């Protein structure tokens, strides 16, 4: 009788942790405590206000002994936060010797990407170790221009580069999807396209919680360095951008043109996959929730929960690209679309793939809903105002039916269409 094989031991969750995570978690805990106390005080004062009891000097604050208690909570929380910060900073070098985890794991990076998407602006503003810096990545490693990148047998360095950019709450590792059947090699659309076209694939990793315009300026600076320091010399650049990545690309190009940078002269083509050029309805729905919760004094403190979402997310309401689209405005206040129109760049071949979860022969009302996150008209650049439309030639548009937003990354049909588009434009010799 065969002895049953023991189940493999579960890998401890601690293998994904780094010493700096303790300091980062402490910062988040302190911020959460401040937030909960502020919300509780707001509800408290709303109740007092309904009985005509005056509040403190700032709306939502209490006065007297009650106000003193809340101020004490905030004060003690701040002191504890400073103490934890100092303690964990001193402990990090010692704890580093106890951690045998690899520098990064897909599971860890996926969690960090989601966290940065939701809270990335706060993490960056408070210098939290969990904030994701923007990096160009080759073979899974961040490029450091102090040390020239090294080619490998699988990824030679070529003058032609394909830049692959992820969307909100994601990272570069999530372009890789498992094979269609057991035993198939993982599929990475960026690598597959680069190999077929004779390009070197580079991936962008960035904090999706920052303003689109901030990430656009950062990306523009990164691409200028690439144009200056790429070892073979950068002759041609093409971009494959998913979702928010397309907005970042357009913002970066506008920034570069306004500042006279050189890299736009290398850009030959951009492929947008499910990019919300005119915004996403889910964020507009989130804005309605802000309005509804703020309608009464009792629910108003809870509106702060919805207002935790990052500036990167609120920029998606209408597809903001420029600083002027959001500067000096309350991003949670419901207001009309007043963004500056940024047309598609001249001299760059632009292609767009829009997805819809409906089948091709389904009713029109179902098809126009889009991929679950981005409506068809937004992904196609269409707008009720003709002056705001992005003009993609008909031959440079494709609708992926029966496809949701995330399937755009792994769809073989989408890959075949993108390859056909880019193959029609041979690389420069």
Protein backbone atom coordinates (compact mmCIF):
# COMPACT_ATOMS: atom_id res chain seq x y z
CA UNK A 1 0.00 0.00 0.00
CA UNK A 2 1.43 3.33 -1.09
CA UNK A 3 2.03 5.89 1.57
CA UNK A 4 0.21 9.09 0.63
CA UNK A 5 2.51 11.97 -0.10
CA UNK A 6 2.47 14.77 2.39
CA UNK A 7 1.10 18.04 1.09
CA UNK A 8 3.82 20.59 0.42
CA UNK A 9 4.36 22.94 3.29
CA UNK A 10 2.80 26.32 2.79
CA UNK A 11 5.33 29.06 2.23
CA UNK A 12 5.26 31.54 5.09
CA UNK A 13 3.76 34.90 4.30
CA UNK A 14 6.79 36.52 5.90
CA UNK A 15 8.88 35.61 2.86
CA UNK A 16 7.27 38.60 1.11
CA UNK A 17 8.23 41.03 3.88
CA UNK A 18 11.18 43.39 4.16
CA UNK A 19 12.50 45.15 7.26
CA UNK A 20 11.34 48.54 5.97
CA UNK A 21 7.76 47.20 5.83
CA UNK A 22 7.51 47.53 9.62
CA UNK A 23 8.20 51.24 9.43
CA UNK A 24 5.81 51.60 6.48
CA UNK A 25 3.05 49.70 8.28
CA UNK A 26 3.52 51.84 11.39
CA UNK A 27 3.08 54.99 9.29
CA UNK A 28 -0.13 53.63 7.80
CA UNK A 29 -1.43 52.61 11.23
CA UNK A 30 -0.78 56.09 12.61
CA UNK A 31 -2.55 57.69 9.65
CA UNK A 32 -5.49 55.32 10.07
CA UNK A 33 -5.77 56.21 13.76
CA UNK A 34 -5.81 59.92 12.93
CA UNK A 35 -8.44 59.28 10.26
CA UNK A 36 -10.72 57.25 12.50
CA UNK A 37 -10.47 59.83 15.29
CA UNK A 38 -11.26 62.65 12.86
CA UNK A 39 -14.27 60.78 11.49
CA UNK A 40 -15.54 59.96 14.97
CA UNK A 41 -15.20 63.58 16.05
CA UNK A 42 -17.09 64.68 12.93
CA UNK A 43 -20.02 62.38 13.74
CA UNK A 44 -19.89 63.51 17.39
CA UNK A 45 -20.09 67.16 16.40
CA UNK A 46 -22.88 66.45 13.90
CA UNK A 47 -24.95 65.05 16.76
CA UNK A 48 -24.12 68.04 18.99
CA UNK A 49 -24.90 70.40 16.13
CA UNK A 50 -28.38 68.93 15.70
CA UNK A 51 -28.99 70.05 19.31
CA UNK A 52 -27.64 73.55 18.60
CA UNK A 53 -24.42 72.93 20.56
CA UNK A 54 -21.65 75.02 18.97
CA UNK A 55 -18.57 73.29 17.63
CA UNK A 56 -14.88 74.08 17.58
CA UNK A 57 -13.04 76.62 15.41
CA UNK A 58 -12.92 74.23 12.43
CA UNK A 59 -16.00 72.54 10.90
CA UNK A 60 -16.35 68.99 12.19
CA UNK A 61 -14.44 69.69 15.41
CA UNK A 62 -15.86 69.62 18.93
CA UNK A 63 -15.10 72.03 21.73
CA UNK A 64 -14.61 71.96 25.48
CA UNK A 65 -13.70 68.70 27.24
CA UNK A 66 -14.77 66.61 24.22
CA UNK A 67 -12.50 68.59 21.95
CA UNK A 68 -9.66 68.22 24.45
CA UNK A 69 -10.05 64.42 24.41
CA UNK A 70 -9.89 64.26 20.60
CA UNK A 71 -6.88 66.58 20.52
CA UNK A 72 -5.22 64.33 23.10
CA UNK A 73 -5.86 61.28 20.92
CA UNK A 74 -4.24 63.01 17.95
CA UNK A 75 -1.32 64.20 20.07
CA UNK A 76 -0.59 60.81 21.58
CA UNK A 77 -0.92 59.14 18.18
CA UNK A 78 1.62 61.57 16.71
CA UNK A 79 4.08 60.93 19.56
CA UNK A 80 3.70 57.16 19.20
CA UNK A 81 4.17 57.48 15.46
CA UNK A 82 7.43 59.38 15.86
CA UNK A 83 8.70 56.83 18.39
CA UNK A 84 7.85 53.88 16.14
CA UNK A 85 9.47 55.59 13.16
CA UNK A 86 12.71 56.13 15.07
CA UNK A 87 12.74 52.63 16.54
CA UNK A 88 12.08 50.79 13.28
CA UNK A 89 14.63 52.93 11.45
CA UNK A 90 17.31 51.82 13.93
CA UNK A 91 16.16 48.18 13.76
CA UNK A 92 16.12 47.86 9.97
CA UNK A 93 19.83 47.00 9.56
CA UNK A 94 19.55 44.31 12.26
CA UNK A 95 16.34 42.84 10.87
CA UNK A 96 17.86 42.72 7.40
CA UNK A 97 20.04 39.82 8.47
CA UNK A 98 16.97 37.79 9.49
CA UNK A 99 15.08 38.09 6.20
CA UNK A 100 15.83 35.46 3.57
CA UNK A 101 13.11 36.59 1.15
CA UNK A 102 14.03 37.39 -2.45
CA UNK A 103 14.26 41.11 -3.31
CA UNK A 104 10.78 40.99 -4.82
CA UNK A 105 8.06 38.43 -5.44
CA UNK A 106 5.08 38.71 -7.81
CA UNK A 107 2.70 38.43 -4.87
CA UNK A 108 4.36 41.25 -2.96
CA UNK A 109 4.61 43.50 -5.98
CA UNK A 110 0.94 42.94 -6.81
CA UNK A 111 -0.09 44.03 -3.30
CA UNK A 112 2.19 47.08 -3.45
CA UNK A 113 0.83 48.03 -6.88
CA UNK A 114 -2.74 47.94 -5.61
CA UNK A 115 -1.81 49.92 -2.49
CA UNK A 116 -0.02 52.55 -4.56
CA UNK A 117 -2.99 52.84 -6.89
CA UNK A 118 -5.34 53.63 -4.01
CA UNK A 119 -3.03 55.55 -1.65
CA UNK A 120 0.09 56.21 -3.72
CA UNK A 121 -0.08 60.00 -3.51
CA UNK A 122 -0.14 59.84 0.30
CA UNK A 123 2.65 57.27 0.40
CA UNK A 124 4.85 59.46 -1.79
CA UNK A 125 4.03 62.66 0.08
CA UNK A 126 4.94 61.06 3.42
CA UNK A 127 8.03 59.26 2.07
CA UNK A 128 6.58 55.90 3.03
CA UNK A 129 8.94 53.04 2.02
CA UNK A 130 6.04 51.35 0.25
CA UNK A 131 5.74 54.15 -2.32
CA UNK A 132 6.76 52.87 -5.75
CA UNK A 133 9.38 54.95 -7.59
CA UNK A 134 9.16 55.19 -11.38
CA UNK A 135 11.69 52.95 -13.12
CA UNK A 136 12.34 51.57 -16.58
CA UNK A 137 12.96 47.84 -16.31
CA UNK A 138 14.89 45.38 -18.43
CA UNK A 139 14.68 41.66 -17.69
CA UNK A 140 12.89 42.44 -14.42
CA UNK A 141 15.59 44.82 -13.17
CA UNK A 142 15.43 48.59 -12.87
CA UNK A 143 17.75 50.46 -15.24
CA UNK A 144 20.51 52.39 -13.53
CA UNK A 145 22.36 54.66 -15.94
CA UNK A 146 25.40 54.66 -13.65
CA UNK A 147 25.80 51.00 -14.65
CA UNK A 148 25.06 50.33 -18.34
CA UNK A 149 22.37 47.67 -18.86
CA UNK A 150 23.56 44.24 -19.88
CA UNK A 151 22.17 42.24 -22.77
CA UNK A 152 21.27 38.58 -22.41
CA UNK A 153 20.84 35.76 -24.89
CA UNK A 154 17.06 36.12 -24.55
CA UNK A 155 17.04 39.93 -24.62
CA UNK A 156 19.69 41.53 -26.84
CA UNK A 157 20.03 45.31 -26.72
CA UNK A 158 18.81 46.83 -29.97
CA UNK A 159 18.43 50.41 -31.22
CA UNK A 160 14.69 49.74 -31.50
CA UNK A 161 12.82 49.69 -28.17
CA UNK A 162 9.27 48.65 -27.31
CA UNK A 163 8.14 50.34 -24.09
CA UNK A 164 5.35 48.47 -22.26
CA UNK A 165 3.28 50.44 -19.72
CA UNK A 166 0.76 49.02 -17.21
CA UNK A 167 -2.42 50.55 -15.85
CA UNK A 168 -3.93 51.56 -12.52
CA UNK A 169 -3.12 49.41 -9.46
CA UNK A 170 -0.85 47.17 -11.53
CA UNK A 171 2.85 46.58 -12.16
CA UNK A 172 5.05 45.37 -15.00
CA UNK A 173 5.05 41.74 -13.80
CA UNK A 174 1.32 41.48 -14.43
CA UNK A 175 1.73 41.50 -18.19
CA UNK A 176 2.72 37.86 -17.85
CA UNK A 177 -0.20 35.44 -17.88
CA UNK A 178 -0.24 31.63 -17.62
CA UNK A 179 -0.43 29.52 -20.77
CA UNK A 180 -3.79 28.64 -22.26
CA UNK A 181 -3.35 24.96 -21.40
CA UNK A 182 -1.29 23.09 -18.82
CA UNK A 183 2.32 22.94 -19.88
CA UNK A 184 2.19 26.06 -22.06
CA UNK A 185 4.80 28.70 -21.40
CA UNK A 186 3.55 31.93 -19.81
CA UNK A 187 2.46 34.57 -22.31
CA UNK A 188 3.77 38.12 -22.15
CA UNK A 189 2.39 40.32 -24.91
CA UNK A 190 5.27 42.79 -24.63
CA UNK A 191 7.97 40.16 -24.94
CA UNK A 192 6.13 38.37 -27.74
CA UNK A 193 5.74 41.57 -29.75
CA UNK A 194 9.35 42.62 -29.20
CA UNK A 195 10.68 39.26 -30.33
CA UNK A 196 8.46 39.22 -33.42
CA UNK A 197 9.40 42.77 -34.39
CA UNK A 198 13.10 42.64 -33.50
CA UNK A 199 12.85 45.15 -30.64
CA UNK A 200 14.17 45.21 -27.09
CA UNK A 201 11.27 45.21 -24.58
CA UNK A 202 11.45 47.68 -21.71
CA UNK A 203 8.78 47.89 -19.02
CA UNK A 204 7.68 50.85 -16.95
CA UNK A 205 6.83 50.50 -13.27
CA UNK A 206 5.30 53.54 -11.57
CA UNK A 207 3.13 54.80 -8.74
CA UNK A 208 -0.35 54.88 -10.28
CA UNK A 209 -1.71 56.92 -7.35
CA UNK A 210 0.06 60.11 -8.48
CA UNK A 211 -1.49 62.66 -10.80
CA UNK A 212 -1.36 61.63 -14.45
CA UNK A 213 0.50 64.85 -15.18
CA UNK A 214 3.09 64.07 -12.48
CA UNK A 215 3.69 60.61 -13.90
CA UNK A 216 3.77 62.09 -17.39
CA UNK A 217 6.57 64.47 -16.42
CA UNK A 218 8.48 61.65 -14.69
CA UNK A 219 8.10 59.37 -17.71
CA UNK A 220 9.24 62.14 -20.04
CA UNK A 221 12.41 62.56 -17.96
CA UNK A 222 13.02 58.80 -17.97
CA UNK A 223 12.68 58.63 -21.76
CA UNK A 224 15.04 61.55 -22.23
CA UNK A 225 17.64 59.62 -20.23
CA UNK A 226 16.92 56.55 -22.35
CA UNK A 227 17.48 58.54 -25.53
CA UNK A 228 20.78 59.85 -24.17
CA UNK A 229 22.23 56.71 -22.56
CA UNK A 230 20.80 53.64 -24.27
CA UNK A 231 23.99 51.68 -25.14
CA UNK A 232 23.22 50.89 -28.82
CA UNK A 233 21.77 54.36 -29.29
CA UNK A 234 18.00 54.84 -29.42
CA UNK A 235 16.89 54.89 -33.03
CA UNK A 236 13.21 54.08 -32.69
CA UNK A 237 10.69 53.88 -29.84
CA UNK A 238 7.23 52.31 -29.86
CA UNK A 239 4.85 52.16 -26.92
CA UNK A 240 2.28 49.56 -25.87
CA UNK A 241 0.15 51.10 -23.11
CA UNK A 242 -2.72 49.60 -21.15
CA UNK A 243 -5.48 51.71 -19.56
CA UNK A 244 -4.00 54.55 -17.45
CA UNK A 245 -0.67 53.88 -19.16
CA UNK A 246 -2.07 55.45 -22.32
CA UNK A 247 -2.94 58.66 -20.47
CA UNK A 248 0.55 58.74 -18.95
CA UNK A 249 2.04 58.36 -22.43
CA UNK A 250 0.00 61.23 -23.89
CA UNK A 251 0.84 63.44 -20.91
CA UNK A 252 4.56 62.62 -21.20
CA UNK A 253 4.58 63.46 -24.91
CA UNK A 254 2.84 66.78 -24.32
CA UNK A 255 5.30 67.60 -21.51
CA UNK A 256 8.29 66.76 -23.71
CA UNK A 257 7.06 68.85 -26.62
CA UNK A 258 6.40 71.82 -24.35
CA UNK A 259 9.92 71.58 -22.93
CA UNK A 260 11.84 70.89 -26.13
CA UNK A 261 13.04 67.40 -25.21
CA UNK A 262 14.59 65.11 -27.80
CA UNK A 263 12.98 61.72 -27.23
CA UNK A 264 9.67 62.47 -29.06
CA UNK A 265 11.68 62.47 -32.28
CA UNK A 266 12.33 58.74 -31.71
CA UNK A 267 8.68 57.86 -31.07
CA UNK A 268 7.08 56.20 -34.08
CA UNK A 269 3.96 54.45 -32.78
CA UNK A 270 1.71 54.15 -29.74
CA UNK A 271 -0.83 51.37 -29.20
CA UNK A 272 -3.53 52.11 -26.61
CA UNK A 273 -5.26 49.14 -24.96
CA UNK A 274 -8.48 50.12 -23.19
CA UNK A 275 -7.31 53.65 -22.41
CA UNK A 276 -10.02 55.91 -20.89
CA UNK A 277 -9.19 58.91 -23.09
CA UNK A 278 -12.35 60.68 -21.92
CA UNK A 279 -12.55 59.19 -18.46
CA UNK A 280 -14.15 56.23 -16.72
CA UNK A 281 -17.72 56.16 -15.37
CA UNK A 282 -16.74 54.31 -12.19
CA UNK A 283 -14.78 57.31 -10.95
CA UNK A 284 -17.67 59.59 -11.88
CA UNK A 285 -19.90 57.28 -9.84
CA UNK A 286 -17.44 57.60 -6.98
CA UNK A 287 -17.80 61.35 -7.23
CA UNK A 288 -21.59 61.00 -6.90
CA UNK A 289 -21.03 59.03 -3.70
CA UNK A 290 -18.93 61.92 -2.38
CA UNK A 291 -21.82 64.28 -3.12
CA UNK A 292 -24.48 62.04 -1.54
CA UNK A 293 -22.47 61.37 1.62
CA UNK A 294 -21.71 65.05 1.98
CA UNK A 295 -25.38 66.03 1.75
CA UNK A 296 -26.17 65.65 5.48
CA UNK A 297 -24.15 66.51 8.57
CA UNK A 298 -24.48 62.96 9.91
CA UNK A 299 -23.10 61.27 6.79
CA UNK A 300 -20.60 63.98 5.90
CA UNK A 301 -17.76 62.56 8.07
CA UNK A 302 -18.05 59.23 6.24
CA UNK A 303 -17.40 60.97 2.94
CA UNK A 304 -13.77 61.02 4.06
CA UNK A 305 -13.63 57.26 3.47
CA UNK A 306 -14.36 57.74 -0.22
CA UNK A 307 -11.95 60.65 -0.31
CA UNK A 308 -9.05 58.40 0.62
CA UNK A 309 -8.75 57.43 -3.03
CA UNK A 310 -5.68 58.78 -4.75
CA UNK A 311 -5.35 61.72 -7.12
CA UNK A 312 -4.45 59.19 -9.80
CA UNK A 313 -7.92 57.68 -9.48
CA UNK A 314 -9.78 61.00 -9.43
CA UNK A 315 -7.87 62.10 -12.56
CA UNK A 316 -9.65 59.24 -14.33
CA UNK A 317 -13.03 60.98 -13.93
CA UNK A 318 -12.50 62.84 -17.21
CA UNK A 319 -9.04 61.67 -18.26
CA UNK A 320 -6.93 64.59 -16.96
CA UNK A 321 -3.52 64.91 -18.63
CA UNK A 322 -2.17 68.32 -17.62
CA UNK A 323 -1.52 70.10 -14.30
CA UNK A 324 -3.98 72.83 -15.29
CA UNK A 325 -6.77 70.26 -15.43
CA UNK A 326 -6.69 69.82 -11.64
CA UNK A 327 -4.67 72.64 -10.06
CA UNK A 328 -6.69 74.95 -7.84
CA UNK A 329 -9.78 72.73 -7.91
CA UNK A 330 -11.43 70.59 -5.27
CA UNK A 331 -11.10 67.14 -6.81
CA UNK A 332 -14.05 65.79 -4.81
CA UNK A 333 -16.44 68.54 -5.80
CA UNK A 334 -18.75 67.64 -8.65
CA UNK A 335 -17.99 69.90 -11.59
CA UNK A 336 -18.13 69.79 -15.40
CA UNK A 337 -15.34 68.60 -17.65
CA UNK A 338 -13.05 71.61 -18.13
CA UNK A 339 -9.83 69.86 -19.08
CA UNK A 340 -7.59 71.15 -21.84
CA UNK A 341 -8.02 69.14 -25.02
CA UNK A 342 -4.79 67.38 -26.06
CA UNK A 343 -5.01 65.95 -29.58
CA UNK A 344 -3.14 62.87 -30.73
CA UNK A 345 0.47 63.69 -31.64
CA UNK A 346 1.29 64.48 -35.23
CA UNK A 347 3.88 62.29 -36.92
CA UNK A 348 3.21 59.35 -34.57
CA UNK A 349 1.11 56.38 -35.68
CA UNK A 350 -1.58 55.93 -33.02
CA UNK A 351 -3.69 52.77 -32.70
CA UNK A 352 -6.44 51.97 -30.23
CA UNK A 353 -8.01 48.75 -29.01
CA UNK A 354 -11.35 49.09 -27.25
CA UNK A 355 -12.96 46.11 -25.53
CA UNK A 356 -16.52 45.17 -24.73
CA UNK A 357 -17.78 42.26 -22.70
CA UNK A 358 -20.71 41.92 -25.13
CA UNK A 359 -20.69 39.69 -28.20
CA UNK A 360 -20.51 41.24 -31.64
CA UNK A 361 -24.12 40.42 -32.48
CA UNK A 362 -25.52 41.54 -29.13
CA UNK A 363 -27.74 44.64 -28.84
CA UNK A 364 -25.99 47.96 -29.39
CA UNK A 365 -26.80 49.11 -25.83
CA UNK A 366 -24.81 46.18 -24.45
CA UNK A 367 -21.86 46.67 -26.79
CA UNK A 368 -21.33 50.36 -26.00
CA UNK A 369 -21.00 49.66 -22.27
CA UNK A 370 -17.42 48.62 -22.84
CA UNK A 371 -15.06 46.33 -20.98
CA UNK A 372 -16.47 46.74 -17.47
CA UNK A 373 -14.27 49.74 -16.64
CA UNK A 374 -13.87 51.80 -19.81
CA UNK A 375 -16.76 52.53 -22.21
CA UNK A 376 -16.24 51.97 -25.92
CA UNK A 377 -16.46 55.63 -26.88
CA UNK A 378 -13.86 56.64 -24.30
CA UNK A 379 -11.40 53.95 -25.46
CA UNK A 380 -11.99 54.93 -29.10
CA UNK A 381 -11.43 58.62 -28.31
CA UNK A 382 -14.97 59.58 -29.32
CA UNK A 383 -16.74 62.46 -27.54
CA UNK A 384 -20.15 64.18 -27.91
CA UNK A 385 -18.25 67.43 -28.53
CA UNK A 386 -16.52 67.05 -31.95
CA UNK A 387 -13.79 69.43 -30.81
CA UNK A 388 -12.72 66.92 -28.15
CA UNK A 389 -12.66 63.81 -30.33
CA UNK A 390 -9.36 62.00 -30.87
CA UNK A 391 -9.11 61.08 -34.52
CA UNK A 392 -7.98 57.48 -34.90
CA UNK A 393 -8.17 56.35 -38.54
CA UNK A 394 -10.69 53.56 -38.99
CA UNK A 395 -7.97 51.09 -39.94
CA UNK A 396 -6.19 51.91 -36.68
CA UNK A 397 -9.16 51.03 -34.45
CA UNK A 398 -10.06 47.58 -33.22
CA UNK A 399 -12.91 46.40 -30.98
CA UNK A 400 -12.28 43.24 -28.97
CA UNK A 401 -15.65 41.58 -28.36
CA UNK A 402 -16.32 39.29 -25.41
CA UNK A 403 -13.30 40.78 -23.65
CA UNK A 404 -13.03 42.53 -20.30
CA UNK A 405 -10.51 45.16 -19.33
CA UNK A 406 -7.85 42.86 -17.88
CA UNK A 407 -8.10 40.34 -20.72
CA UNK A 408 -6.62 42.94 -23.05
CA UNK A 409 -3.24 42.02 -21.56
CA UNK A 410 -3.41 38.34 -22.48
CA UNK A 411 -5.75 38.17 -25.47
CA UNK A 412 -4.14 36.38 -28.41
CA UNK A 413 -6.60 38.10 -30.73
CA UNK A 414 -5.52 41.51 -29.49
CA UNK A 415 -1.87 40.47 -29.78
CA UNK A 416 -2.38 39.40 -33.41
CA UNK A 417 -4.00 42.74 -34.26
CA UNK A 418 -1.26 44.78 -32.58
CA UNK A 419 1.43 42.70 -34.31
CA UNK A 420 -0.24 43.25 -37.68
CA UNK A 421 -0.34 47.01 -37.09
CA UNK A 422 3.26 47.32 -35.99
CA UNK A 423 4.59 44.88 -38.60
CA UNK A 424 3.17 47.14 -41.29
CA UNK A 425 5.61 49.78 -40.08
CA UNK A 426 9.09 48.24 -40.49
CA UNK A 427 11.77 49.31 -38.07
CA UNK A 428 14.22 51.92 -39.30
CA UNK A 429 17.56 50.44 -40.38
